[in-house]
């Protein structure tokens, strides 16, 4: 992700990586950079995953993806709440704080992050041991990979950058907006917790997530219509450009 951002300037606001898909909340100046950014991210992660699994030229990502434009701040806030409650909705964890996979949650809480990361070359990635490995063995494997990492690159996460896209937020306090988003996240988590309690559905939990085997067959089942834009209001036809 840091390499993609370096090559194709893209403002990263929020993201959550799930086991079989990812959610990105981005601000884009040049649409061509956006297409290249996502393409690079999918391509390089696919190569890494295939090397970890000892496979060659195996399809990892679907060809298409949704990249709707968000037309108003209310919908932007709704999507951020949706993004950070995706793991809870999938019954993986009780709260986003417990989610062990990669996300921008920490950056959101502290107001942004600038991370210096060393890039791991494709050729440095070895094959994972067969079967489920302990968390300590996974950590050793990761540490060995990191020792082989090369050039350092910057990953900049700017959780408030999306607010600059809407003129109606020019005089708003970002902290108040983020407090409202956090409140809605907690309310959604409580709603999901209550629903699980009624249906007696447990969450998988952070530890089990960490110990899950990456070698799982997954076939996409969703074939919904591709969205062009998202809005919290009814809009008329004839929009020529959006931020």
C-alpha atoms as a PDB file:
ATOM      1  CA  UNK A   1       0.000   0.000   0.000  1.00  0.00           C
ATOM      2  CA  UNK A   2       2.863   2.379   0.793  1.00  0.00           C
ATOM      3  CA  UNK A   3       4.507   1.576  -2.545  1.00  0.00           C
ATOM      4  CA  UNK A   4       1.214   2.129  -4.400  1.00  0.00           C
ATOM      5  CA  UNK A   5       0.741   5.492  -2.689  1.00  0.00           C
ATOM      6  CA  UNK A   6       4.320   6.499  -3.555  1.00  0.00           C
ATOM      7  CA  UNK A   7       3.901   5.604  -7.228  1.00  0.00           C
ATOM      8  CA  UNK A   8       0.337   6.850  -7.689  1.00  0.00           C
ATOM      9  CA  UNK A   9      -0.466   9.768  -5.335  1.00  0.00           C
ATOM     10  CA  UNK A  10      -3.703   8.898  -3.531  1.00  0.00           C
ATOM     11  CA  UNK A  11      -5.012  10.231  -0.225  1.00  0.00           C
ATOM     12  CA  UNK A  12      -5.825   7.299   2.058  1.00  0.00           C
ATOM     13  CA  UNK A  13      -8.430   8.168   4.693  1.00  0.00           C
ATOM     14  CA  UNK A  14      -9.734   4.846   5.993  1.00  0.00           C
ATOM     15  CA  UNK A  15      -9.354   1.156   5.169  1.00  0.00           C
ATOM     16  CA  UNK A  16     -10.144  -2.309   6.523  1.00  0.00           C
ATOM     17  CA  UNK A  17      -8.803  -5.533   5.031  1.00  0.00           C
ATOM     18  CA  UNK A  18     -11.023  -8.576   5.433  1.00  0.00           C
ATOM     19  CA  UNK A  19     -10.114 -12.170   4.565  1.00  0.00           C
ATOM     20  CA  UNK A  20     -11.672 -12.067   1.084  1.00  0.00           C
ATOM     21  CA  UNK A  21     -12.114  -8.366   0.270  1.00  0.00           C
ATOM     22  CA  UNK A  22     -11.030  -4.885   1.278  1.00  0.00           C
ATOM     23  CA  UNK A  23     -12.711  -1.546   1.931  1.00  0.00           C
ATOM     24  CA  UNK A  24     -10.913   1.678   1.015  1.00  0.00           C
ATOM     25  CA  UNK A  25     -12.045   5.249   1.672  1.00  0.00           C
ATOM     26  CA  UNK A  26      -9.929   7.474  -0.576  1.00  0.00           C
ATOM     27  CA  UNK A  27      -9.677  11.010  -1.894  1.00  0.00           C
ATOM     28  CA  UNK A  28      -8.560  11.097  -5.518  1.00  0.00           C
ATOM     29  CA  UNK A  29      -7.226  14.044  -7.503  1.00  0.00           C
ATOM     30  CA  UNK A  30      -6.457  12.169 -10.740  1.00  0.00           C
ATOM     31  CA  UNK A  31      -8.778   9.276 -11.690  1.00  0.00           C
ATOM     32  CA  UNK A  32      -5.931   7.616 -13.601  1.00  0.00           C
ATOM     33  CA  UNK A  33      -3.837   7.530 -10.421  1.00  0.00           C
ATOM     34  CA  UNK A  34      -6.745   5.874  -8.607  1.00  0.00           C
ATOM     35  CA  UNK A  35      -7.071   3.094 -11.193  1.00  0.00           C
ATOM     36  CA  UNK A  36      -3.314   2.518 -11.116  1.00  0.00           C
ATOM     37  CA  UNK A  37      -3.245   2.591  -7.294  1.00  0.00           C
ATOM     38  CA  UNK A  38      -5.914  -0.109  -6.950  1.00  0.00           C
ATOM     39  CA  UNK A  39      -4.405  -2.143  -9.784  1.00  0.00           C
ATOM     40  CA  UNK A  40      -0.960  -2.072  -8.175  1.00  0.00           C
ATOM     41  CA  UNK A  41      -2.374  -3.005  -4.763  1.00  0.00           C
ATOM     42  CA  UNK A  42      -4.286  -5.972  -6.185  1.00  0.00           C
ATOM     43  CA  UNK A  43      -1.388  -7.144  -8.360  1.00  0.00           C
ATOM     44  CA  UNK A  44       1.347  -7.000  -5.719  1.00  0.00           C
ATOM     45  CA  UNK A  45      -0.808  -8.524  -2.962  1.00  0.00           C
ATOM     46  CA  UNK A  46      -1.780 -11.338  -5.349  1.00  0.00           C
ATOM     47  CA  UNK A  47       1.881 -12.088  -6.101  1.00  0.00           C
ATOM     48  CA  UNK A  48       2.684 -12.084  -2.372  1.00  0.00           C
ATOM     49  CA  UNK A  49      -0.228 -14.392  -1.507  1.00  0.00           C
ATOM     50  CA  UNK A  50       0.660 -16.812  -4.295  1.00  0.00           C
ATOM     51  CA  UNK A  51       4.285 -16.966  -3.169  1.00  0.00           C
ATOM     52  CA  UNK A  52       3.187 -17.592   0.432  1.00  0.00           C
ATOM     53  CA  UNK A  53       1.055 -20.483  -0.817  1.00  0.00           C
ATOM     54  CA  UNK A  54       3.646 -21.816  -3.271  1.00  0.00           C
ATOM     55  CA  UNK A  55       1.438 -21.171  -6.295  1.00  0.00           C
ATOM     56  CA  UNK A  56       2.094 -19.587  -9.694  1.00  0.00           C
ATOM     57  CA  UNK A  57      -0.240 -17.366 -11.726  1.00  0.00           C
ATOM     58  CA  UNK A  58      -3.265 -18.208  -9.594  1.00  0.00           C
ATOM     59  CA  UNK A  59      -6.142 -15.714  -9.653  1.00  0.00           C
ATOM     60  CA  UNK A  60      -6.619 -14.021  -6.280  1.00  0.00           C
ATOM     61  CA  UNK A  61      -8.792 -10.945  -6.942  1.00  0.00           C
ATOM     62  CA  UNK A  62     -11.942 -10.568  -9.046  1.00  0.00           C
ATOM     63  CA  UNK A  63     -11.413  -8.425 -12.137  1.00  0.00           C
ATOM     64  CA  UNK A  64     -14.028  -5.837 -11.241  1.00  0.00           C
ATOM     65  CA  UNK A  65     -14.588  -3.756  -8.137  1.00  0.00           C
ATOM     66  CA  UNK A  66     -16.958  -1.026  -7.006  1.00  0.00           C
ATOM     67  CA  UNK A  67     -15.578   2.515  -6.845  1.00  0.00           C
ATOM     68  CA  UNK A  68     -18.616   4.743  -6.232  1.00  0.00           C
ATOM     69  CA  UNK A  69     -18.207   8.495  -5.721  1.00  0.00           C
ATOM     70  CA  UNK A  70     -19.616   9.796  -2.448  1.00  0.00           C
ATOM     71  CA  UNK A  71     -21.753  12.884  -3.019  1.00  0.00           C
ATOM     72  CA  UNK A  72     -22.433  14.272   0.451  1.00  0.00           C
ATOM     73  CA  UNK A  73     -20.856  14.258   3.938  1.00  0.00           C
ATOM     74  CA  UNK A  74     -23.710  12.292   5.532  1.00  0.00           C
ATOM     75  CA  UNK A  75     -23.132   9.385   3.173  1.00  0.00           C
ATOM     76  CA  UNK A  76     -19.372   9.652   3.685  1.00  0.00           C
ATOM     77  CA  UNK A  77     -19.869   9.268   7.437  1.00  0.00           C
ATOM     78  CA  UNK A  78     -22.222   6.330   6.906  1.00  0.00           C
ATOM     79  CA  UNK A  79     -19.618   4.557   4.779  1.00  0.00           C
ATOM     80  CA  UNK A  80     -16.899   5.086   7.385  1.00  0.00           C
ATOM     81  CA  UNK A  81     -19.166   3.545  10.023  1.00  0.00           C
ATOM     82  CA  UNK A  82     -19.930   0.661   7.645  1.00  0.00           C
ATOM     83  CA  UNK A  83     -16.222   0.149   6.966  1.00  0.00           C
ATOM     84  CA  UNK A  84     -15.235  -0.054  10.640  1.00  0.00           C
ATOM     85  CA  UNK A  85     -18.150  -2.340  11.568  1.00  0.00           C
ATOM     86  CA  UNK A  86     -17.575  -4.820   8.741  1.00  0.00           C
ATOM     87  CA  UNK A  87     -15.661  -7.333  10.924  1.00  0.00           C
ATOM     88  CA  UNK A  88     -18.352  -7.160  13.609  1.00  0.00           C
ATOM     89  CA  UNK A  89     -21.100  -7.635  11.029  1.00  0.00           C
ATOM     90  CA  UNK A  90     -19.275 -10.758   9.834  1.00  0.00           C
ATOM     91  CA  UNK A  91     -19.241 -12.106  13.432  1.00  0.00           C
ATOM     92  CA  UNK A  92     -15.458 -12.005  13.607  1.00  0.00           C
ATOM     93  CA  UNK A  93     -15.030  -9.778  16.683  1.00  0.00           C
ATOM     94  CA  UNK A  94     -17.196  -7.847  19.144  1.00  0.00           C
ATOM     95  CA  UNK A  95     -15.564  -4.446  18.486  1.00  0.00           C
ATOM     96  CA  UNK A  96     -13.233  -2.952  15.903  1.00  0.00           C
ATOM     97  CA  UNK A  97     -10.653  -2.500  18.694  1.00  0.00           C
ATOM     98  CA  UNK A  98     -10.273  -6.304  18.815  1.00  0.00           C
ATOM     99  CA  UNK A  99      -9.840  -6.784  15.055  1.00  0.00           C
ATOM    100  CA  UNK A 100      -6.277  -8.070  14.471  1.00  0.00           C
ATOM    101  CA  UNK A 101      -6.103  -7.661  10.698  1.00  0.00           C
ATOM    102  CA  UNK A 102      -4.779  -4.598   8.876  1.00  0.00           C
ATOM    103  CA  UNK A 103      -6.864  -1.441   9.147  1.00  0.00           C
ATOM    104  CA  UNK A 104      -6.587   2.320   9.680  1.00  0.00           C
ATOM    105  CA  UNK A 105      -8.427   2.149  13.012  1.00  0.00           C
ATOM    106  CA  UNK A 106      -5.447   3.330  15.048  1.00  0.00           C
ATOM    107  CA  UNK A 107      -4.837   6.212  12.631  1.00  0.00           C
ATOM    108  CA  UNK A 108      -8.479   7.255  12.959  1.00  0.00           C
ATOM    109  CA  UNK A 109      -8.218   7.330  16.752  1.00  0.00           C
ATOM    110  CA  UNK A 110      -5.015   9.396  16.864  1.00  0.00           C
ATOM    111  CA  UNK A 111      -5.883  11.750  13.984  1.00  0.00           C
ATOM    112  CA  UNK A 112      -3.592  10.263  11.349  1.00  0.00           C
ATOM    113  CA  UNK A 113      -0.358   8.342  10.928  1.00  0.00           C
ATOM    114  CA  UNK A 114       2.816   8.572   8.868  1.00  0.00           C
ATOM    115  CA  UNK A 115       4.391   5.110   8.875  1.00  0.00           C
ATOM    116  CA  UNK A 116       7.895   4.337   7.620  1.00  0.00           C
ATOM    117  CA  UNK A 117       7.744   0.834   6.163  1.00  0.00           C
ATOM    118  CA  UNK A 118      10.382  -1.305   4.464  1.00  0.00           C
ATOM    119  CA  UNK A 119       9.183  -2.968   1.315  1.00  0.00           C
ATOM    120  CA  UNK A 120       9.473  -6.746   1.024  1.00  0.00           C
ATOM    121  CA  UNK A 121      10.457  -7.798  -2.497  1.00  0.00           C
ATOM    122  CA  UNK A 122       8.517 -10.596  -4.192  1.00  0.00           C
ATOM    123  CA  UNK A 123      11.613 -12.804  -4.416  1.00  0.00           C
ATOM    124  CA  UNK A 124      12.095 -12.617  -0.639  1.00  0.00           C
ATOM    125  CA  UNK A 125       8.723 -14.181   0.139  1.00  0.00           C
ATOM    126  CA  UNK A 126       8.930 -17.877   0.972  1.00  0.00           C
ATOM    127  CA  UNK A 127       6.248 -20.530   1.313  1.00  0.00           C
ATOM    128  CA  UNK A 128       4.268 -20.722   4.533  1.00  0.00           C
ATOM    129  CA  UNK A 129       4.442 -23.953   6.566  1.00  0.00           C
ATOM    130  CA  UNK A 130       1.554 -26.326   5.884  1.00  0.00           C
ATOM    131  CA  UNK A 131      -1.486 -26.287   8.138  1.00  0.00           C
ATOM    132  CA  UNK A 132      -2.361 -23.951  10.972  1.00  0.00           C
ATOM    133  CA  UNK A 133       0.721 -22.504  12.656  1.00  0.00           C
ATOM    134  CA  UNK A 134       0.963 -20.971  16.101  1.00  0.00           C
ATOM    135  CA  UNK A 135       0.969 -17.203  16.539  1.00  0.00           C
ATOM    136  CA  UNK A 136       4.584 -17.319  17.727  1.00  0.00           C
ATOM    137  CA  UNK A 137       5.682 -19.226  14.595  1.00  0.00           C
ATOM    138  CA  UNK A 138       3.783 -16.746  12.425  1.00  0.00           C
ATOM    139  CA  UNK A 139       5.609 -13.910  14.164  1.00  0.00           C
ATOM    140  CA  UNK A 140       9.002 -15.541  13.558  1.00  0.00           C
ATOM    141  CA  UNK A 141       8.119 -15.999   9.886  1.00  0.00           C
ATOM    142  CA  UNK A 142       7.125 -12.323   9.658  1.00  0.00           C
ATOM    143  CA  UNK A 143      10.294 -11.200  11.462  1.00  0.00           C
ATOM    144  CA  UNK A 144      12.456 -13.177   9.029  1.00  0.00           C
ATOM    145  CA  UNK A 145      10.648 -11.549   6.094  1.00  0.00           C
ATOM    146  CA  UNK A 146      11.140  -8.109   7.594  1.00  0.00           C
ATOM    147  CA  UNK A 147      14.875  -8.715   7.943  1.00  0.00           C
ATOM    148  CA  UNK A 148      15.020  -9.217   4.169  1.00  0.00           C
ATOM    149  CA  UNK A 149      13.055  -6.018   3.456  1.00  0.00           C
ATOM    150  CA  UNK A 150      14.718  -3.318   1.387  1.00  0.00           C
ATOM    151  CA  UNK A 151      13.900   0.289   0.602  1.00  0.00           C
ATOM    152  CA  UNK A 152      11.857   2.315   3.073  1.00  0.00           C
ATOM    153  CA  UNK A 153       8.648   3.969   1.951  1.00  0.00           C
ATOM    154  CA  UNK A 154       6.056   6.144   3.642  1.00  0.00           C
ATOM    155  CA  UNK A 155       2.430   5.227   4.186  1.00  0.00           C
ATOM    156  CA  UNK A 156       0.431   8.361   4.977  1.00  0.00           C
ATOM    157  CA  UNK A 157      -3.045   7.895   6.467  1.00  0.00           C
ATOM    158  CA  UNK A 158      -5.180  11.063   6.718  1.00  0.00           C
ATOM    159  CA  UNK A 159      -8.548  10.222   8.328  1.00  0.00           C
ATOM    160  CA  UNK A 160      -9.893  13.790   8.078  1.00  0.00           C
ATOM    161  CA  UNK A 161      -8.867  14.540   4.477  1.00  0.00           C
ATOM    162  CA  UNK A 162     -12.269  13.570   3.057  1.00  0.00           C
ATOM    163  CA  UNK A 163     -13.888  16.492   4.910  1.00  0.00           C
ATOM    164  CA  UNK A 164     -12.116  18.958   2.589  1.00  0.00           C
ATOM    165  CA  UNK A 165     -14.168  17.610  -0.324  1.00  0.00           C
ATOM    166  CA  UNK A 166     -17.413  19.132   0.985  1.00  0.00           C
ATOM    167  CA  UNK A 167     -17.868  22.902   1.198  1.00  0.00           C
ATOM    168  CA  UNK A 168     -20.559  22.518   3.878  1.00  0.00           C
ATOM    169  CA  UNK A 169     -17.889  21.188   6.259  1.00  0.00           C
ATOM    170  CA  UNK A 170     -15.446  24.075   5.807  1.00  0.00           C
ATOM    171  CA  UNK A 171     -16.317  25.601   9.186  1.00  0.00           C
ATOM    172  CA  UNK A 172     -16.958  22.301  10.979  1.00  0.00           C
ATOM    173  CA  UNK A 173     -14.765  20.920  13.745  1.00  0.00           C
ATOM    174  CA  UNK A 174     -13.178  17.618  12.595  1.00  0.00           C
ATOM    175  CA  UNK A 175     -13.100  16.359  16.186  1.00  0.00           C
ATOM    176  CA  UNK A 176     -16.860  16.777  16.526  1.00  0.00           C
ATOM    177  CA  UNK A 177     -17.451  14.963  13.241  1.00  0.00           C
ATOM    178  CA  UNK A 178     -15.171  12.100  14.293  1.00  0.00           C
ATOM    179  CA  UNK A 179     -16.858  11.922  17.698  1.00  0.00           C
ATOM    180  CA  UNK A 180     -20.195  11.471  15.938  1.00  0.00           C
ATOM    181  CA  UNK A 181     -18.710   8.752  13.692  1.00  0.00           C
ATOM    182  CA  UNK A 182     -17.286   6.958  16.736  1.00  0.00           C
ATOM    183  CA  UNK A 183     -20.655   7.186  18.519  1.00  0.00           C
ATOM    184  CA  UNK A 184     -22.387   5.613  15.518  1.00  0.00           C
ATOM    185  CA  UNK A 185     -19.757   2.856  15.353  1.00  0.00           C
ATOM    186  CA  UNK A 186     -20.362   1.981  19.012  1.00  0.00           C
ATOM    187  CA  UNK A 187     -24.137   2.056  18.512  1.00  0.00           C
ATOM    188  CA  UNK A 188     -23.828  -0.300  15.541  1.00  0.00           C
ATOM    189  CA  UNK A 189     -21.565  -2.623  17.542  1.00  0.00           C
ATOM    190  CA  UNK A 190     -24.146  -2.733  20.341  1.00  0.00           C
ATOM    191  CA  UNK A 191     -26.904  -3.425  17.829  1.00  0.00           C
ATOM    192  CA  UNK A 192     -24.918  -6.326  16.326  1.00  0.00           C
ATOM    193  CA  UNK A 193     -24.041  -7.654  19.784  1.00  0.00           C
ATOM    194  CA  UNK A 194     -27.733  -7.716  20.733  1.00  0.00           C
ATOM    195  CA  UNK A 195     -28.649  -9.506  17.493  1.00  0.00           C
ATOM    196  CA  UNK A 196     -25.958 -12.160  18.103  1.00  0.00           C
ATOM    197  CA  UNK A 197     -27.200 -12.618  21.659  1.00  0.00           C
ATOM    198  CA  UNK A 198     -30.751 -13.247  20.461  1.00  0.00           C
ATOM    199  CA  UNK A 199     -29.619 -15.708  17.780  1.00  0.00           C
ATOM    200  CA  UNK A 200     -26.927 -17.219  20.041  1.00  0.00           C
ATOM    201  CA  UNK A 201     -24.297 -16.579  17.379  1.00  0.00           C
ATOM    202  CA  UNK A 202     -20.742 -16.383  18.752  1.00  0.00           C
ATOM    203  CA  UNK A 203     -17.911 -14.327  17.318  1.00  0.00           C
ATOM    204  CA  UNK A 204     -14.808 -16.070  16.022  1.00  0.00           C
ATOM    205  CA  UNK A 205     -12.511 -13.884  18.126  1.00  0.00           C
ATOM    206  CA  UNK A 206      -9.120 -12.282  17.528  1.00  0.00           C
ATOM    207  CA  UNK A 207      -7.049 -15.311  18.551  1.00  0.00           C
ATOM    208  CA  UNK A 208      -8.882 -17.708  16.242  1.00  0.00           C
ATOM    209  CA  UNK A 209      -8.613 -15.176  13.427  1.00  0.00           C
ATOM    210  CA  UNK A 210      -4.845 -15.040  13.885  1.00  0.00           C
ATOM    211  CA  UNK A 211      -4.610 -18.828  13.808  1.00  0.00           C
ATOM    212  CA  UNK A 212      -6.905 -19.347  10.812  1.00  0.00           C
ATOM    213  CA  UNK A 213      -5.338 -21.172   7.882  1.00  0.00           C
ATOM    214  CA  UNK A 214      -4.876 -18.982   4.814  1.00  0.00           C
ATOM    215  CA  UNK A 215      -5.489 -22.012   2.566  1.00  0.00           C
ATOM    216  CA  UNK A 216      -9.234 -21.772   2.216  1.00  0.00           C
ATOM    217  CA  UNK A 217     -11.217 -22.113  -0.983  1.00  0.00           C
ATOM    218  CA  UNK A 218     -13.446 -19.102  -1.565  1.00  0.00           C
ATOM    219  CA  UNK A 219     -15.790 -18.474  -4.488  1.00  0.00           C
ATOM    220  CA  UNK A 220     -17.486 -15.037  -4.698  1.00  0.00           C
ATOM    221  CA  UNK A 221     -21.260 -15.248  -4.638  1.00  0.00           C
ATOM    222  CA  UNK A 222     -22.263 -11.599  -4.804  1.00  0.00           C
ATOM    223  CA  UNK A 223     -23.143 -10.321  -8.246  1.00  0.00           C
ATOM    224  CA  UNK A 224     -24.816  -7.008  -7.428  1.00  0.00           C
ATOM    225  CA  UNK A 225     -25.099  -4.020  -9.705  1.00  0.00           C
ATOM    226  CA  UNK A 226     -22.057  -1.811  -9.855  1.00  0.00           C
ATOM    227  CA  UNK A 227     -22.615   1.512  -8.084  1.00  0.00           C
ATOM    228  CA  UNK A 228     -21.652   4.788  -9.753  1.00  0.00           C
ATOM    229  CA  UNK A 229     -22.246   7.062  -6.780  1.00  0.00           C
ATOM    230  CA  UNK A 230     -23.560   7.071  -3.219  1.00  0.00           C
ATOM    231  CA  UNK A 231     -25.787   9.743  -1.715  1.00  0.00           C
ATOM    232  CA  UNK A 232     -27.921  10.141   1.391  1.00  0.00           C
ATOM    233  CA  UNK A 233     -30.361  12.268  -0.636  1.00  0.00           C
ATOM    234  CA  UNK A 234     -32.356  11.838  -3.820  1.00  0.00           C
ATOM    235  CA  UNK A 235     -30.496  13.486  -6.703  1.00  0.00           C
ATOM    236  CA  UNK A 236     -31.526  14.389 -10.223  1.00  0.00           C
ATOM    237  CA  UNK A 237     -29.817  13.152 -13.349  1.00  0.00           C
ATOM    238  CA  UNK A 238     -27.269  15.278 -15.141  1.00  0.00           C
ATOM    239  CA  UNK A 239     -24.353  15.334 -12.692  1.00  0.00           C
ATOM    240  CA  UNK A 240     -21.219  15.842 -14.741  1.00  0.00           C
ATOM    241  CA  UNK A 241     -18.500  15.689 -12.102  1.00  0.00           C
ATOM    242  CA  UNK A 242     -18.139  14.920  -8.416  1.00  0.00           C
ATOM    243  CA  UNK A 243     -15.366  15.045  -5.856  1.00  0.00           C
END
